[in-house]
Amino acid sequence: MTEFLAAMSEIGSGTKVRGVISRSAERLVNSRLRDDKIDLDSLPFYAWDLLEGFPERYKAPLFSTHRTPAAPILTSRGCPGKCIFCFSGCHNTLSTYSSEYIIRLLKHLQTHYGIREFMIHDDNFVMFKNNLIELLSMLISENLEMSWSCNARVDMVDENVLALMAKAGCWQISYGIETGNQKIMQVLEKNITREKVAHAISISRKAGIRTVGYFMIGHFGETPETIEETIRFACSIGLDDFRMSFFTPLPGTKAALLATQYGTFENDWSKMNLFAPVFTPVGMDKEQLLAGQKRALRKFFFRLSVVWSFLKMVRNPFLAIRGAYLFAIYVMKRNG
């Protein structure tokens, strides 16, 4: 940012800074991607003081935290994965804050804002293994008494790391699984297998960490049969929680370049919210996708084991009942 501001002080020189796209008349000028690694420790803490009423006015979604007040943080940028639906190009390099910086940040949140839980929103929290082990050891030794959750890839966790994460206060981990069909996993270039998914869920639960599976519906090559396969898979691997959005070929991704080869793509940025289908695979229509999503949600959540696991998390009965009522209305709205 400093480099950009300095360049902009010279008229017309902004495009000399790599990583900037500017407009010249009717033409977009791309100054090339940056390839230098970001020194994240040189950045100041987030300006939480600018958020009026923080943290009381910023409520986390129901069942997403163990304790409040809670705050989201980032400990790294980028992901080594090359999934075709994710614009990993926005982070041309992988960067992480040092474990010391993260501990200072957490102590700041705890001291100045009374934060008792933090939600790590990194694309892949476990990718810097040495820094991860150091951070977990510091969390244990510092005894901050803060609980936390994170995101990770199923092929980058093991029993030792998960046990250490649990000891350091991790209560929930979310995995991007996307589908239960192995062929579609390969099309998505996720570089994982159904067996790796099941193993990661199993060892996470063994460590005492709750698991969330993120799925999508309407992939390249999706059919009614692959949707049912995904539903069966999600319900069979021991997940505690389940999310299903719609496969969306976002601008700048490989999926956006391939979309018209696999189906009908409504390339309208304003509609790309992941909660409504803009891509329809060959042989299917939007109504089938909508019905499939709701059928998946019903089959996963309307099971006694899952209902009981959520009941054990209830802190505010009124909000829980209201949320359950609205969820039931949504998933029962259409036949599927």
C-alpha atoms as a PDB file:
ATOM      1  CA  MET A   1       0.000   0.000   0.000  1.00  0.00           C
ATOM      2  CA  THR A   2       2.855   2.392   0.824  1.00  0.00           C
ATOM      3  CA  GLU A   3       4.374   1.675  -2.584  1.00  0.00           C
ATOM      4  CA  PHE A   4       1.032   2.310  -4.287  1.00  0.00           C
ATOM      5  CA  LEU A   5       0.403   5.627  -2.500  1.00  0.00           C
ATOM      6  CA  ALA A   6       3.919   6.830  -3.298  1.00  0.00           C
ATOM      7  CA  ALA A   7       3.467   5.966  -6.961  1.00  0.00           C
ATOM      8  CA  MET A   8       0.084   7.676  -7.157  1.00  0.00           C
ATOM      9  CA  SER A   9       1.687  10.930  -6.022  1.00  0.00           C
ATOM     10  CA  GLU A  10       3.228  10.995  -9.490  1.00  0.00           C
ATOM     11  CA  ILE A  11       0.513  11.573 -12.090  1.00  0.00           C
ATOM     12  CA  GLY A  12      -0.105   8.530 -14.252  1.00  0.00           C
ATOM     13  CA  SER A  13       2.478   6.332 -12.533  1.00  0.00           C
ATOM     14  CA  GLY A  14       0.134   4.075 -10.581  1.00  0.00           C
ATOM     15  CA  THR A  15       0.427   1.225 -13.095  1.00  0.00           C
ATOM     16  CA  LYS A  16       4.153   0.928 -12.332  1.00  0.00           C
ATOM     17  CA  VAL A  17       3.172  -0.831  -9.117  1.00  0.00           C
ATOM     18  CA  ARG A  18       2.684  -4.533  -9.698  1.00  0.00           C
ATOM     19  CA  GLY A  19      -0.644  -5.981  -8.605  1.00  0.00           C
ATOM     20  CA  VAL A  20      -2.704  -3.019  -9.834  1.00  0.00           C
ATOM     21  CA  ILE A  21      -5.351  -2.958 -12.548  1.00  0.00           C
ATOM     22  CA  SER A  22      -6.250   0.510 -13.784  1.00  0.00           C
ATOM     23  CA  ARG A  23      -8.359   1.975 -16.557  1.00  0.00           C
ATOM     24  CA  SER A  24      -6.938   3.888 -19.495  1.00  0.00           C
ATOM     25  CA  ALA A  25      -9.833   5.276 -21.558  1.00  0.00           C
ATOM     26  CA  GLU A  26     -11.840   2.126 -22.407  1.00  0.00           C
ATOM     27  CA  ARG A  27      -8.926  -0.244 -21.787  1.00  0.00           C
ATOM     28  CA  LEU A  28      -7.907  -2.077 -18.600  1.00  0.00           C
ATOM     29  CA  VAL A  29      -4.189  -1.987 -17.863  1.00  0.00           C
ATOM     30  CA  ASN A  30      -2.757  -4.861 -15.785  1.00  0.00           C
ATOM     31  CA  SER A  31       0.595  -4.149 -14.137  1.00  0.00           C
ATOM     32  CA  ARG A  32       1.364  -7.865 -13.640  1.00  0.00           C
ATOM     33  CA  LEU A  33       0.979 -10.009 -10.506  1.00  0.00           C
ATOM     34  CA  ARG A  34       3.194  -9.451  -7.512  1.00  0.00           C
ATOM     35  CA  ASP A  35       5.527 -12.315  -6.695  1.00  0.00           C
ATOM     36  CA  ASP A  36       7.164 -10.951  -3.572  1.00  0.00           C
ATOM     37  CA  LYS A  37       6.298 -12.568  -0.254  1.00  0.00           C
ATOM     38  CA  ILE A  38       4.354 -10.366   2.153  1.00  0.00           C
ATOM     39  CA  ASP A  39       5.930  -9.718   5.558  1.00  0.00           C
ATOM     40  CA  LEU A  40       2.673  -9.968   7.495  1.00  0.00           C
ATOM     41  CA  ASP A  41       4.357  -9.239  10.834  1.00  0.00           C
ATOM     42  CA  SER A  42       5.097  -5.717   9.567  1.00  0.00           C
ATOM     43  CA  LEU A  43       1.375  -4.951   9.397  1.00  0.00           C
ATOM     44  CA  PRO A  44      -0.459  -3.371  12.338  1.00  0.00           C
ATOM     45  CA  PHE A  45      -3.319  -5.105  14.145  1.00  0.00           C
ATOM     46  CA  TYR A  46      -6.766  -4.728  12.617  1.00  0.00           C
ATOM     47  CA  ALA A  47      -8.445  -1.424  13.502  1.00  0.00           C
ATOM     48  CA  TRP A  48     -11.135  -2.940  15.716  1.00  0.00           C
ATOM     49  CA  ASP A  49     -11.504   0.439  17.400  1.00  0.00           C
ATOM     50  CA  LEU A  50     -13.166   1.725  14.220  1.00  0.00           C
ATOM     51  CA  LEU A  51     -15.999  -0.796  14.586  1.00  0.00           C
ATOM     52  CA  GLU A  52     -18.687   0.887  16.609  1.00  0.00           C
ATOM     53  CA  GLY A  53     -19.906  -1.343  19.410  1.00  0.00           C
ATOM     54  CA  PHE A  54     -17.297  -4.055  18.808  1.00  0.00           C
ATOM     55  CA  PRO A  55     -17.548  -6.826  19.853  1.00  0.00           C
ATOM     56  CA  GLU A  56     -21.068  -6.779  21.335  1.00  0.00           C
ATOM     57  CA  ARG A  57     -22.768  -5.653  18.126  1.00  0.00           C
ATOM     58  CA  TYR A  58     -20.979  -8.220  15.965  1.00  0.00           C
ATOM     59  CA  LYS A  59     -22.680 -11.510  16.733  1.00  0.00           C
ATOM     60  CA  ALA A  60     -21.362 -14.768  15.330  1.00  0.00           C
ATOM     61  CA  PRO A  61     -23.855 -17.110  13.583  1.00  0.00           C
ATOM     62  CA  LEU A  62     -25.727 -19.555  15.793  1.00  0.00           C
ATOM     63  CA  PHE A  63     -23.702 -22.688  16.680  1.00  0.00           C
ATOM     64  CA  SER A  64     -20.504 -21.206  15.191  1.00  0.00           C
ATOM     65  CA  THR A  65     -18.913 -20.459  18.579  1.00  0.00           C
ATOM     66  CA  HIS A  66     -18.622 -22.052  21.991  1.00  0.00           C
ATOM     67  CA  ARG A  67     -18.213 -18.813  23.874  1.00  0.00           C
ATOM     68  CA  THR A  68     -18.797 -15.121  23.409  1.00  0.00           C
ATOM     69  CA  PRO A  69     -17.672 -12.501  22.737  1.00  0.00           C
ATOM     70  CA  ALA A  70     -15.858 -13.926  19.720  1.00  0.00           C
ATOM     71  CA  ALA A  71     -13.848 -12.418  16.887  1.00  0.00           C
ATOM     72  CA  PRO A  72     -12.672 -13.639  13.446  1.00  0.00           C
ATOM     73  CA  ILE A  73      -8.966 -13.446  12.620  1.00  0.00           C
ATOM     74  CA  LEU A  74      -6.558 -14.407   9.817  1.00  0.00           C
ATOM     75  CA  THR A  75      -3.202 -16.000  10.576  1.00  0.00           C
ATOM     76  CA  SER A  76      -2.076 -16.593   6.983  1.00  0.00           C
ATOM     77  CA  ARG A  77      -2.866 -15.802   3.366  1.00  0.00           C
ATOM     78  CA  GLY A  78      -3.182 -18.157   0.429  1.00  0.00           C
ATOM     79  CA  CYS A  79      -3.529 -21.901  -0.003  1.00  0.00           C
ATOM     80  CA  PRO A  80      -1.349 -24.471  -1.798  1.00  0.00           C
ATOM     81  CA  GLY A  81      -4.448 -26.112  -3.266  1.00  0.00           C
ATOM     82  CA  LYS A  82      -5.326 -25.544  -6.917  1.00  0.00           C
ATOM     83  CA  CYS A  83      -9.075 -26.222  -6.877  1.00  0.00           C
ATOM     84  CA  ILE A  84     -10.587 -24.900 -10.104  1.00  0.00           C
ATOM     85  CA  PHE A  85     -13.420 -23.047  -8.338  1.00  0.00           C
ATOM     86  CA  CYS A  86     -11.122 -21.022  -6.060  1.00  0.00           C
ATOM     87  CA  PHE A  87      -9.227 -17.957  -7.236  1.00  0.00           C
ATOM     88  CA  SER A  88      -5.962 -18.854  -5.555  1.00  0.00           C
ATOM     89  CA  GLY A  89      -4.274 -16.366  -7.887  1.00  0.00           C
ATOM     90  CA  CYS A  90      -5.261 -13.514  -5.574  1.00  0.00           C
ATOM     91  CA  HIS A  91      -2.421 -14.743  -3.356  1.00  0.00           C
ATOM     92  CA  ASN A  92       0.486 -15.400  -5.673  1.00  0.00           C
ATOM     93  CA  THR A  93       2.608 -16.354  -2.670  1.00  0.00           C
ATOM     94  CA  LEU A  94       1.840 -18.047   0.642  1.00  0.00           C
ATOM     95  CA  SER A  95       2.384 -15.961   3.769  1.00  0.00           C
ATOM     96  CA  THR A  96       1.868 -16.387   7.483  1.00  0.00           C
ATOM     97  CA  TYR A  97       2.090 -14.269  10.595  1.00  0.00           C
ATOM     98  CA  SER A  98       4.652 -15.545  13.080  1.00  0.00           C
ATOM     99  CA  SER A  99       3.399 -17.419  16.115  1.00  0.00           C
ATOM    100  CA  GLU A 100       4.649 -14.575  18.333  1.00  0.00           C
ATOM    101  CA  TYR A 101       2.622 -12.014  16.369  1.00  0.00           C
ATOM    102  CA  ILE A 102      -0.535 -14.130  16.589  1.00  0.00           C
ATOM    103  CA  ILE A 103      -0.156 -14.543  20.358  1.00  0.00           C
ATOM    104  CA  ARG A 104       0.273 -10.775  20.759  1.00  0.00           C
ATOM    105  CA  LEU A 105      -2.841 -10.217  18.645  1.00  0.00           C
ATOM    106  CA  LEU A 106      -4.877 -12.644  20.742  1.00  0.00           C
ATOM    107  CA  LYS A 107      -3.715 -11.078  23.989  1.00  0.00           C
ATOM    108  CA  HIS A 108      -4.698  -7.664  22.576  1.00  0.00           C
ATOM    109  CA  LEU A 109      -8.188  -8.951  21.753  1.00  0.00           C
ATOM    110  CA  GLN A 110      -8.520 -10.540  25.157  1.00  0.00           C
ATOM    111  CA  THR A 111      -7.244  -7.535  27.130  1.00  0.00           C
ATOM    112  CA  HIS A 112      -8.936  -4.696  25.238  1.00  0.00           C
ATOM    113  CA  TYR A 113     -12.175  -6.327  24.091  1.00  0.00           C
ATOM    114  CA  GLY A 114     -12.748  -9.297  26.389  1.00  0.00           C
ATOM    115  CA  ILE A 115     -12.670 -11.786  23.499  1.00  0.00           C
ATOM    116  CA  ARG A 116     -13.016 -15.368  24.730  1.00  0.00           C
ATOM    117  CA  GLU A 117     -13.050 -17.177  21.381  1.00  0.00           C
ATOM    118  CA  PHE A 118     -11.497 -16.582  17.983  1.00  0.00           C
ATOM    119  CA  MET A 119     -12.523 -17.969  14.613  1.00  0.00           C
ATOM    120  CA  ILE A 120      -9.576 -18.536  12.261  1.00  0.00           C
ATOM    121  CA  HIS A 121     -10.789 -17.777   8.733  1.00  0.00           C
ATOM    122  CA  ASP A 122      -7.607 -18.781   6.883  1.00  0.00           C
ATOM    123  CA  ASP A 123      -8.289 -20.789   3.730  1.00  0.00           C
ATOM    124  CA  ASN A 124      -6.023 -23.478   5.167  1.00  0.00           C
ATOM    125  CA  PHE A 125      -4.851 -22.938   8.743  1.00  0.00           C
ATOM    126  CA  VAL A 126      -2.553 -25.985   8.842  1.00  0.00           C
ATOM    127  CA  MET A 127      -0.365 -25.341   5.779  1.00  0.00           C
ATOM    128  CA  PHE A 128       2.675 -23.886   7.625  1.00  0.00           C
ATOM    129  CA  LYS A 129       3.412 -26.924   9.776  1.00  0.00           C
ATOM    130  CA  ASN A 130       6.425 -25.631  11.739  1.00  0.00           C
ATOM    131  CA  ASN A 131       4.751 -22.318  12.555  1.00  0.00           C
ATOM    132  CA  LEU A 132       1.551 -24.199  13.430  1.00  0.00           C
ATOM    133  CA  ILE A 133       3.295 -26.457  15.959  1.00  0.00           C
ATOM    134  CA  GLU A 134       5.041 -23.451  17.500  1.00  0.00           C
ATOM    135  CA  LEU A 135       1.763 -21.506  17.752  1.00  0.00           C
ATOM    136  CA  LEU A 136      -0.087 -24.434  19.320  1.00  0.00           C
ATOM    137  CA  SER A 137       2.690 -24.940  21.866  1.00  0.00           C
ATOM    138  CA  MET A 138       2.565 -21.235  22.759  1.00  0.00           C
ATOM    139  CA  LEU A 139      -1.227 -21.308  23.120  1.00  0.00           C
ATOM    140  CA  ILE A 140      -0.863 -24.177  25.574  1.00  0.00           C
ATOM    141  CA  SER A 141       1.996 -22.636  27.559  1.00  0.00           C
ATOM    142  CA  GLU A 142       0.438 -19.140  27.648  1.00  0.00           C
ATOM    143  CA  ASN A 143      -2.840 -20.645  28.917  1.00  0.00           C
ATOM    144  CA  LEU A 144      -4.986 -17.882  27.426  1.00  0.00           C
ATOM    145  CA  GLU A 145      -8.158 -19.908  28.088  1.00  0.00           C
ATOM    146  CA  MET A 146      -9.560 -19.081  24.649  1.00  0.00           C
ATOM    147  CA  SER A 147     -11.447 -21.549  22.472  1.00  0.00           C
ATOM    148  CA  TRP A 148     -11.198 -21.450  18.686  1.00  0.00           C
ATOM    149  CA  SER A 149     -12.152 -22.977  15.325  1.00  0.00           C
ATOM    150  CA  CYS A 150     -10.475 -23.126  11.907  1.00  0.00           C
ATOM    151  CA  ASN A 151     -10.497 -24.402   8.301  1.00  0.00           C
ATOM    152  CA  ALA A 152      -8.142 -27.058   6.894  1.00  0.00           C
ATOM    153  CA  ARG A 153      -7.561 -29.450   4.021  1.00  0.00           C
ATOM    154  CA  VAL A 154      -8.237 -33.129   4.718  1.00  0.00           C
ATOM    155  CA  ASP A 155      -4.864 -34.129   3.251  1.00  0.00           C
ATOM    156  CA  MET A 156      -2.850 -31.857   5.572  1.00  0.00           C
ATOM    157  CA  VAL A 157      -3.864 -33.066   9.054  1.00  0.00           C
ATOM    158  CA  ASP A 158      -2.635 -35.991  11.119  1.00  0.00           C
ATOM    159  CA  GLU A 159      -3.387 -37.436  14.553  1.00  0.00           C
ATOM    160  CA  ASN A 160      -0.493 -35.707  16.319  1.00  0.00           C
ATOM    161  CA  VAL A 161      -1.357 -32.240  14.999  1.00  0.00           C
ATOM    162  CA  LEU A 162      -5.065 -32.662  15.732  1.00  0.00           C
ATOM    163  CA  ALA A 163      -4.369 -33.813  19.292  1.00  0.00           C
ATOM    164  CA  LEU A 164      -2.192 -30.737  19.834  1.00  0.00           C
ATOM    165  CA  MET A 165      -4.863 -28.494  18.296  1.00  0.00           C
ATOM    166  CA  ALA A 166      -7.478 -29.883  20.686  1.00  0.00           C
ATOM    167  CA  LYS A 167      -5.175 -29.375  23.666  1.00  0.00           C
ATOM    168  CA  ALA A 168      -4.611 -25.773  22.528  1.00  0.00           C
ATOM    169  CA  GLY A 169      -8.358 -25.036  22.554  1.00  0.00           C
ATOM    170  CA  CYS A 170      -9.593 -25.999  19.080  1.00  0.00           C
ATOM    171  CA  TRP A 171     -13.156 -27.287  19.303  1.00  0.00           C
ATOM    172  CA  GLN A 172     -14.214 -27.271  15.626  1.00  0.00           C
ATOM    173  CA  ILE A 173     -12.541 -27.734  12.254  1.00  0.00           C
ATOM    174  CA  SER A 174     -14.140 -27.211   8.834  1.00  0.00           C
ATOM    175  CA  TYR A 175     -13.099 -29.182   5.767  1.00  0.00           C
ATOM    176  CA  GLY A 176     -13.799 -28.370   2.122  1.00  0.00           C
ATOM    177  CA  ILE A 177     -15.103 -31.667   0.742  1.00  0.00           C
ATOM    178  CA  GLU A 178     -17.404 -30.398  -2.046  1.00  0.00           C
ATOM    179  CA  THR A 179     -18.700 -33.759  -3.348  1.00  0.00           C
ATOM    180  CA  GLY A 180     -18.971 -37.444  -2.561  1.00  0.00           C
ATOM    181  CA  ASN A 181     -18.175 -38.496  -6.132  1.00  0.00           C
ATOM    182  CA  GLN A 182     -14.525 -39.321  -6.792  1.00  0.00           C
ATOM    183  CA  LYS A 183     -14.654 -38.427 -10.490  1.00  0.00           C
ATOM    184  CA  ILE A 184     -16.001 -34.957  -9.705  1.00  0.00           C
ATOM    185  CA  MET A 185     -13.277 -34.513  -7.067  1.00  0.00           C
ATOM    186  CA  GLN A 186     -10.766 -35.112  -9.842  1.00  0.00           C
ATOM    187  CA  VAL A 187     -12.508 -32.656 -12.182  1.00  0.00           C
ATOM    188  CA  LEU A 188     -12.338 -30.049  -9.401  1.00  0.00           C
ATOM    189  CA  GLU A 189      -8.589 -30.775  -9.072  1.00  0.00           C
ATOM    190  CA  LYS A 190      -8.918 -31.047  -5.299  1.00  0.00           C
ATOM    191  CA  ASN A 191      -6.204 -33.710  -5.106  1.00  0.00           C
ATOM    192  CA  ILE A 192      -8.073 -35.625  -2.405  1.00  0.00           C
ATOM    193  CA  THR A 193      -9.967 -38.906  -2.224  1.00  0.00           C
ATOM    194  CA  ARG A 194     -13.075 -40.110  -0.432  1.00  0.00           C
ATOM    195  CA  GLU A 195     -10.793 -42.237   1.755  1.00  0.00           C
ATOM    196  CA  LYS A 196      -8.727 -39.187   2.791  1.00  0.00           C
ATOM    197  CA  VAL A 197     -11.913 -37.330   3.654  1.00  0.00           C
ATOM    198  CA  ALA A 198     -13.247 -40.148   5.818  1.00  0.00           C
ATOM    199  CA  HIS A 199      -9.871 -40.551   7.541  1.00  0.00           C
ATOM    200  CA  ALA A 200      -9.560 -36.837   8.359  1.00  0.00           C
ATOM    201  CA  ILE A 201     -13.067 -36.786   9.852  1.00  0.00           C
ATOM    202  CA  SER A 202     -12.334 -39.912  11.891  1.00  0.00           C
ATOM    203  CA  ILE A 203      -9.051 -38.689  13.418  1.00  0.00           C
ATOM    204  CA  SER A 204     -10.535 -35.222  14.090  1.00  0.00           C
ATOM    205  CA  ARG A 205     -13.365 -36.759  16.072  1.00  0.00           C
ATOM    206  CA  LYS A 206     -10.877 -39.032  17.838  1.00  0.00           C
ATOM    207  CA  ALA A 207      -9.038 -35.890  18.952  1.00  0.00           C
ATOM    208  CA  GLY A 208     -12.296 -34.506  20.334  1.00  0.00           C
ATOM    209  CA  ILE A 209     -12.723 -31.853  17.630  1.00  0.00           C
ATOM    210  CA  ARG A 210     -16.140 -31.246  16.098  1.00  0.00           C
ATOM    211  CA  THR A 211     -16.179 -31.458  12.272  1.00  0.00           C
ATOM    212  CA  VAL A 212     -17.974 -29.422   9.602  1.00  0.00           C
ATOM    213  CA  GLY A 213     -18.108 -30.526   5.970  1.00  0.00           C
ATOM    214  CA  TYR A 214     -18.465 -27.956   3.199  1.00  0.00           C
ATOM    215  CA  PHE A 215     -20.122 -29.275   0.051  1.00  0.00           C
ATOM    216  CA  MET A 216     -21.420 -27.818  -3.217  1.00  0.00           C
ATOM    217  CA  ILE A 217     -24.089 -28.984  -5.641  1.00  0.00           C
ATOM    218  CA  GLY A 218     -24.215 -28.492  -9.402  1.00  0.00           C
ATOM    219  CA  HIS A 219     -20.624 -29.356 -10.318  1.00  0.00           C
ATOM    220  CA  PHE A 220     -19.268 -29.997 -13.790  1.00  0.00           C
ATOM    221  CA  GLY A 221     -20.588 -33.492 -14.602  1.00  0.00           C
ATOM    222  CA  GLU A 222     -23.185 -33.439 -11.804  1.00  0.00           C
ATOM    223  CA  THR A 223     -26.190 -35.744 -12.251  1.00  0.00           C
ATOM    224  CA  PRO A 224     -29.104 -36.806 -10.044  1.00  0.00           C
ATOM    225  CA  GLU A 225     -27.083 -39.922  -9.252  1.00  0.00           C
ATOM    226  CA  THR A 226     -23.952 -38.027  -8.143  1.00  0.00           C
ATOM    227  CA  ILE A 227     -26.112 -35.776  -5.944  1.00  0.00           C
ATOM    228  CA  GLU A 228     -27.522 -38.822  -4.159  1.00  0.00           C
ATOM    229  CA  GLU A 229     -24.005 -40.241  -3.847  1.00  0.00           C
ATOM    230  CA  THR A 230     -22.858 -37.016  -2.179  1.00  0.00           C
ATOM    231  CA  ILE A 231     -25.807 -37.059   0.240  1.00  0.00           C
ATOM    232  CA  ARG A 232     -25.088 -40.664   1.240  1.00  0.00           C
ATOM    233  CA  PHE A 233     -21.391 -39.902   1.662  1.00  0.00           C
ATOM    234  CA  ALA A 234     -21.988 -36.810   3.814  1.00  0.00           C
ATOM    235  CA  CYS A 235     -24.329 -38.759   6.081  1.00  0.00           C
ATOM    236  CA  SER A 236     -22.000 -41.739   6.437  1.00  0.00           C
ATOM    237  CA  ILE A 237     -18.597 -40.299   7.413  1.00  0.00           C
ATOM    238  CA  GLY A 238     -19.396 -38.999  10.904  1.00  0.00           C
ATOM    239  CA  LEU A 239     -19.621 -35.261  10.241  1.00  0.00           C
ATOM    240  CA  ASP A 240     -21.138 -33.174  13.015  1.00  0.00           C
ATOM    241  CA  ASP A 241     -22.256 -30.338  10.754  1.00  0.00           C
ATOM    242  CA  PHE A 242     -22.924 -29.850   7.057  1.00  0.00           C
ATOM    243  CA  ARG A 243     -22.998 -26.957   4.589  1.00  0.00           C
ATOM    244  CA  MET A 244     -24.092 -27.092   0.968  1.00  0.00           C
ATOM    245  CA  SER A 245     -23.831 -24.134  -1.395  1.00  0.00           C
ATOM    246  CA  PHE A 246     -24.107 -24.035  -5.190  1.00  0.00           C
ATOM    247  CA  PHE A 247     -21.093 -24.588  -7.438  1.00  0.00           C
ATOM    248  CA  THR A 248     -20.245 -21.142  -8.818  1.00  0.00           C
ATOM    249  CA  PRO A 249     -17.625 -20.443 -11.535  1.00  0.00           C
ATOM    250  CA  LEU A 250     -16.349 -17.230  -9.961  1.00  0.00           C
ATOM    251  CA  PRO A 251     -14.575 -14.627 -12.134  1.00  0.00           C
ATOM    252  CA  GLY A 252     -10.855 -15.282 -12.506  1.00  0.00           C
ATOM    253  CA  THR A 253     -11.080 -19.014 -11.745  1.00  0.00           C
ATOM    254  CA  LYS A 254     -10.343 -21.916 -14.061  1.00  0.00           C
ATOM    255  CA  ALA A 255     -13.955 -22.999 -13.599  1.00  0.00           C
ATOM    256  CA  ALA A 256     -15.167 -19.750 -15.191  1.00  0.00           C
ATOM    257  CA  LEU A 257     -13.140 -20.501 -18.312  1.00  0.00           C
ATOM    258  CA  LEU A 258     -14.547 -24.037 -18.605  1.00  0.00           C
ATOM    259  CA  ALA A 259     -18.152 -23.435 -17.547  1.00  0.00           C
ATOM    260  CA  THR A 260     -19.820 -23.276 -20.973  1.00  0.00           C
ATOM    261  CA  GLN A 261     -18.273 -26.635 -21.888  1.00  0.00           C
ATOM    262  CA  TYR A 262     -20.118 -28.332 -19.034  1.00  0.00           C
ATOM    263  CA  GLY A 263     -23.470 -26.581 -18.955  1.00  0.00           C
ATOM    264  CA  THR A 264     -25.299 -23.271 -18.872  1.00  0.00           C
ATOM    265  CA  PHE A 265     -23.560 -20.414 -17.091  1.00  0.00           C
ATOM    266  CA  GLU A 266     -25.337 -17.203 -16.090  1.00  0.00           C
ATOM    267  CA  ASN A 267     -22.235 -15.017 -15.976  1.00  0.00           C
ATOM    268  CA  ASP A 268     -23.689 -12.222 -13.854  1.00  0.00           C
ATOM    269  CA  TRP A 269     -21.433 -11.086 -10.995  1.00  0.00           C
ATOM    270  CA  SER A 270     -24.359  -9.650  -9.022  1.00  0.00           C
ATOM    271  CA  LYS A 271     -25.898 -13.138  -8.733  1.00  0.00           C
ATOM    272  CA  MET A 272     -22.749 -14.981  -7.672  1.00  0.00           C
ATOM    273  CA  ASN A 273     -23.516 -15.291  -3.963  1.00  0.00           C
ATOM    274  CA  LEU A 274     -23.098 -19.116  -3.789  1.00  0.00           C
ATOM    275  CA  PHE A 275     -26.635 -19.411  -2.386  1.00  0.00           C
ATOM    276  CA  ALA A 276     -28.452 -19.492  -5.735  1.00  0.00           C
ATOM    277  CA  PRO A 277     -27.478 -21.529  -8.812  1.00  0.00           C
ATOM    278  CA  VAL A 278     -25.902 -19.576 -11.676  1.00  0.00           C
ATOM    279  CA  PHE A 279     -24.399 -22.668 -13.305  1.00  0.00           C
ATOM    280  CA  THR A 280     -26.549 -25.592 -14.462  1.00  0.00           C
ATOM    281  CA  PRO A 281     -24.802 -28.821 -15.558  1.00  0.00           C
ATOM    282  CA  VAL A 282     -25.748 -30.495 -18.829  1.00  0.00           C
ATOM    283  CA  GLY A 283     -28.877 -32.615 -18.365  1.00  0.00           C
ATOM    284  CA  MET A 284     -30.102 -30.808 -15.246  1.00  0.00           C
ATOM    285  CA  ASP A 285     -32.098 -27.673 -14.420  1.00  0.00           C
ATOM    286  CA  LYS A 286     -32.104 -25.192 -11.545  1.00  0.00           C
ATOM    287  CA  GLU A 287     -35.164 -26.727  -9.915  1.00  0.00           C
ATOM    288  CA  GLN A 288     -33.367 -30.046  -9.624  1.00  0.00           C
ATOM    289  CA  LEU A 289     -30.388 -28.349  -7.993  1.00  0.00           C
ATOM    290  CA  LEU A 290     -32.556 -26.445  -5.522  1.00  0.00           C
ATOM    291  CA  ALA A 291     -34.509 -29.576  -4.680  1.00  0.00           C
ATOM    292  CA  GLY A 292     -31.285 -31.575  -4.331  1.00  0.00           C
ATOM    293  CA  GLN A 293     -29.800 -29.070  -1.906  1.00  0.00           C
ATOM    294  CA  LYS A 294     -32.871 -29.119   0.315  1.00  0.00           C
ATOM    295  CA  ARG A 295     -33.052 -32.894   0.201  1.00  0.00           C
ATOM    296  CA  ALA A 296     -29.415 -33.039   1.302  1.00  0.00           C
ATOM    297  CA  LEU A 297     -30.054 -30.663   4.197  1.00  0.00           C
ATOM    298  CA  ARG A 298     -33.116 -32.632   5.321  1.00  0.00           C
ATOM    299  CA  LYS A 299     -31.378 -35.999   5.174  1.00  0.00           C
ATOM    300  CA  PHE A 300     -28.331 -34.766   7.067  1.00  0.00           C
ATOM    301  CA  PHE A 301     -29.948 -32.689   9.796  1.00  0.00           C
ATOM    302  CA  PHE A 302     -33.158 -34.643  10.395  1.00  0.00           C
ATOM    303  CA  ARG A 303     -31.291 -37.450  12.165  1.00  0.00           C
ATOM    304  CA  LEU A 304     -31.458 -37.989  15.918  1.00  0.00           C
ATOM    305  CA  SER A 305     -27.675 -38.088  16.370  1.00  0.00           C
ATOM    306  CA  VAL A 306     -27.243 -34.735  14.643  1.00  0.00           C
ATOM    307  CA  VAL A 307     -30.196 -33.118  16.423  1.00  0.00           C
ATOM    308  CA  TRP A 308     -28.788 -34.259  19.762  1.00  0.00           C
ATOM    309  CA  SER A 309     -25.323 -32.882  18.976  1.00  0.00           C
ATOM    310  CA  PHE A 310     -26.828 -29.448  18.312  1.00  0.00           C
ATOM    311  CA  LEU A 311     -29.046 -29.563  21.391  1.00  0.00           C
ATOM    312  CA  LYS A 312     -25.926 -30.031  23.506  1.00  0.00           C
ATOM    313  CA  MET A 313     -24.598 -26.738  22.097  1.00  0.00           C
ATOM    314  CA  VAL A 314     -27.668 -24.647  22.890  1.00  0.00           C
ATOM    315  CA  ARG A 315     -26.847 -21.549  24.934  1.00  0.00           C
ATOM    316  CA  ASN A 316     -29.890 -19.452  24.049  1.00  0.00           C
ATOM    317  CA  PRO A 317     -33.039 -21.627  23.720  1.00  0.00           C
ATOM    318  CA  PHE A 318     -35.071 -18.833  22.079  1.00  0.00           C
ATOM    319  CA  LEU A 319     -32.521 -18.289  19.288  1.00  0.00           C
ATOM    320  CA  ALA A 320     -32.093 -22.042  18.820  1.00  0.00           C
ATOM    321  CA  ILE A 321     -35.847 -22.635  18.463  1.00  0.00           C
ATOM    322  CA  ARG A 322     -36.219 -19.670  16.106  1.00  0.00           C
ATOM    323  CA  GLY A 323     -33.274 -20.839  13.977  1.00  0.00           C
ATOM    324  CA  ALA A 324     -34.584 -24.403  13.827  1.00  0.00           C
ATOM    325  CA  TYR A 325     -38.040 -23.149  12.812  1.00  0.00           C
ATOM    326  CA  LEU A 326     -36.690 -20.975   9.968  1.00  0.00           C
ATOM    327  CA  PHE A 327     -34.414 -23.787   8.787  1.00  0.00           C
ATOM    328  CA  ALA A 328     -37.293 -26.276   8.731  1.00  0.00           C
ATOM    329  CA  ILE A 329     -39.463 -23.847   6.734  1.00  0.00           C
ATOM    330  CA  TYR A 330     -36.680 -23.442   4.168  1.00  0.00           C
ATOM    331  CA  VAL A 331     -35.882 -27.113   3.616  1.00  0.00           C
ATOM    332  CA  MET A 332     -39.533 -28.189   3.577  1.00  0.00           C
ATOM    333  CA  LYS A 333     -40.621 -25.444   1.154  1.00  0.00           C
ATOM    334  CA  ARG A 334     -40.124 -27.608  -1.913  1.00  0.00           C
ATOM    335  CA  ASN A 335     -40.584 -31.278  -2.534  1.00  0.00           C
ATOM    336  CA  GLY A 336     -37.343 -33.005  -3.372  1.00  0.00           C
END
